[in-house]
Protein backbone atom coordinates (compact mmCIF):
# COMPACT_ATOMS: atom_id res chain seq x y z
CA MET A 1 20.68 1.49 7.59
CA LYS A 2 22.00 1.24 4.02
CA ASN A 3 20.23 -2.12 3.54
CA ASP A 4 17.00 -0.59 4.83
CA LEU A 5 17.24 2.21 2.27
CA LYS A 6 17.87 -0.31 -0.49
CA HIS A 7 14.88 -2.34 0.63
CA VAL A 8 12.57 0.68 0.70
CA GLY A 9 13.87 1.88 -2.66
CA ALA A 10 13.37 -1.51 -4.26
CA ASN A 11 9.80 -1.64 -2.97
CA ILE A 12 9.10 1.82 -4.35
CA ARG A 13 10.48 0.76 -7.74
CA THR A 14 8.35 -2.42 -7.69
CA ALA A 15 5.20 -0.47 -6.85
CA ARG A 16 5.99 2.18 -9.49
CA LYS A 17 6.49 -0.42 -12.19
CA ARG A 18 3.26 -2.22 -11.23
CA LYS A 19 1.45 1.07 -11.86
CA ASN A 20 3.34 1.45 -15.16
CA LEU A 21 4.71 4.83 -14.11
CA THR A 22 8.03 6.27 -15.18
CA LEU A 23 10.39 7.96 -12.75
CA GLU A 24 9.50 11.23 -14.45
CA VAL A 25 5.76 10.81 -13.89
CA LEU A 26 6.08 9.63 -10.28
CA SER A 27 8.51 12.41 -9.41
CA GLY A 28 6.03 14.92 -10.81
CA LEU A 29 3.20 13.43 -8.77
CA CYS A 30 5.33 13.59 -5.62
CA ASP A 31 6.88 17.00 -6.30
CA VAL A 32 10.46 15.72 -6.13
CA SER A 33 13.13 15.64 -8.80
CA GLU A 34 13.50 12.62 -11.04
CA SER A 35 17.18 12.28 -10.08
CA PHE A 36 16.32 12.34 -6.37
CA LEU A 37 13.63 9.67 -6.83
CA GLY A 38 16.15 7.56 -8.76
CA MET A 39 18.58 7.81 -5.85
CA VAL A 40 15.79 6.78 -3.47
CA GLU A 41 14.97 3.74 -5.59
CA ARG A 42 18.65 2.76 -5.65
CA GLY A 43 18.83 3.12 -1.86
CA SER A 44 21.41 5.89 -1.93
CA SER A 45 19.13 8.55 -0.45
CA SER A 46 16.53 8.64 2.31
CA ILE A 47 13.17 10.38 2.17
CA SER A 48 11.10 12.50 4.51
CA ILE A 49 7.78 11.38 5.91
CA GLU A 50 6.07 13.92 3.65
CA THR A 51 7.71 12.40 0.57
CA LEU A 52 6.86 8.89 1.75
CA ILE A 53 3.22 9.90 2.11
CA ALA A 54 3.23 11.49 -1.36
CA ILE A 55 4.75 8.33 -2.86
CA CYS A 56 2.21 6.09 -1.10
CA GLU A 57 -0.67 8.24 -2.33
CA ALA A 58 0.66 8.38 -5.89
CA LEU A 59 1.24 4.61 -5.99
CA ASP A 60 -1.87 3.76 -3.97
CA VAL A 61 0.10 1.57 -1.55
CA THR A 62 0.47 1.46 2.20
CA ALA A 63 3.58 2.83 3.88
CA ASP A 64 4.20 -0.44 5.72
CA SER A 65 4.32 -2.34 2.44
CA LEU A 66 7.19 -0.09 1.35
CA ILE A 67 9.05 -0.01 4.66
CA MET A 68 8.62 -3.39 6.36
CA LYS A 69 10.72 -6.33 5.28
CA GLY A 70 8.89 -9.49 4.39
CA ARG A 71 5.73 -7.73 3.24
CA GLU A 72 4.52 -7.70 -0.31
CA VAL A 73 3.90 -4.32 -1.88
CA ASN A 74 0.11 -4.16 -1.85
CA ALA A 75 -2.51 -1.69 -2.78
CA ARG A 76 -4.26 0.05 0.04
CA PRO A 77 -7.18 -1.97 1.33
CA SER A 78 -9.61 0.89 0.66
CA ASP A 79 -11.05 -0.81 -2.44
CA LYS A 80 -11.79 -3.98 -0.51
CA LEU A 81 -13.19 -2.00 2.38
CA ASP A 82 -15.38 0.06 0.06
CA THR A 83 -16.69 -3.11 -1.58
CA LEU A 84 -17.40 -4.73 1.78
CA CYS A 85 -19.17 -1.61 3.08
CA THR A 86 -21.35 -1.51 -0.04
CA MET A 87 -22.21 -5.18 0.39
CA LEU A 88 -23.15 -4.62 4.02
CA LYS A 89 -25.23 -1.54 3.25
CA ASN A 90 -27.22 -3.49 0.68
CA ALA A 91 -27.58 -6.63 2.79
CA THR A 92 -30.85 -7.87 4.20
CA ASP A 93 -31.23 -8.57 7.91
CA ASP A 94 -30.82 -12.28 7.19
CA ASP A 95 -27.63 -11.58 5.23
CA LEU A 96 -26.24 -9.50 8.10
CA ASP A 97 -27.02 -12.26 10.60
CA PHE A 98 -25.23 -14.75 8.35
CA TYR A 99 -22.16 -12.48 7.95
CA MET A 100 -21.94 -11.85 11.68
CA ASN A 101 -22.19 -15.55 12.49
CA PHE A 102 -19.57 -16.33 9.87
CA VAL A 103 -17.12 -13.81 11.31
CA LYS A 104 -17.72 -15.12 14.84
CA LEU A 105 -17.11 -18.66 13.62
CA CYS A 106 -13.88 -17.68 11.89
CA ARG A 107 -12.64 -15.76 14.90
CA GLY A 108 -13.37 -18.72 17.15
CA SER A 109 -11.41 -21.03 14.86
CA GLY A 110 -8.31 -18.83 15.03
CA ARG A 111 -8.52 -17.62 11.43
CA PHE A 112 -8.70 -13.99 12.59
């Protein structure tokens, strides 16, 4: 359990630094004390689901990227999804046929 807390804390610290946020700023965004957040990042304290959600929202990362071992801390896919949805909304019928055939081809090849 202690190693899991250290892992989660290290991932939170990595995500916070990527966003160029200080402990003070992130703690304010998440409505927790700076000292508590420091303990979380060091792996010496656990967090509630509510705090995890607040941290994910403030850092714009997924919960699994903070919790699961072997996963890189990534931004939520919403930006990619938004971009893809915009592309699809603006696509012609021919474009949509091409995209659908491409996805089917990739799925059949085992890429998806």
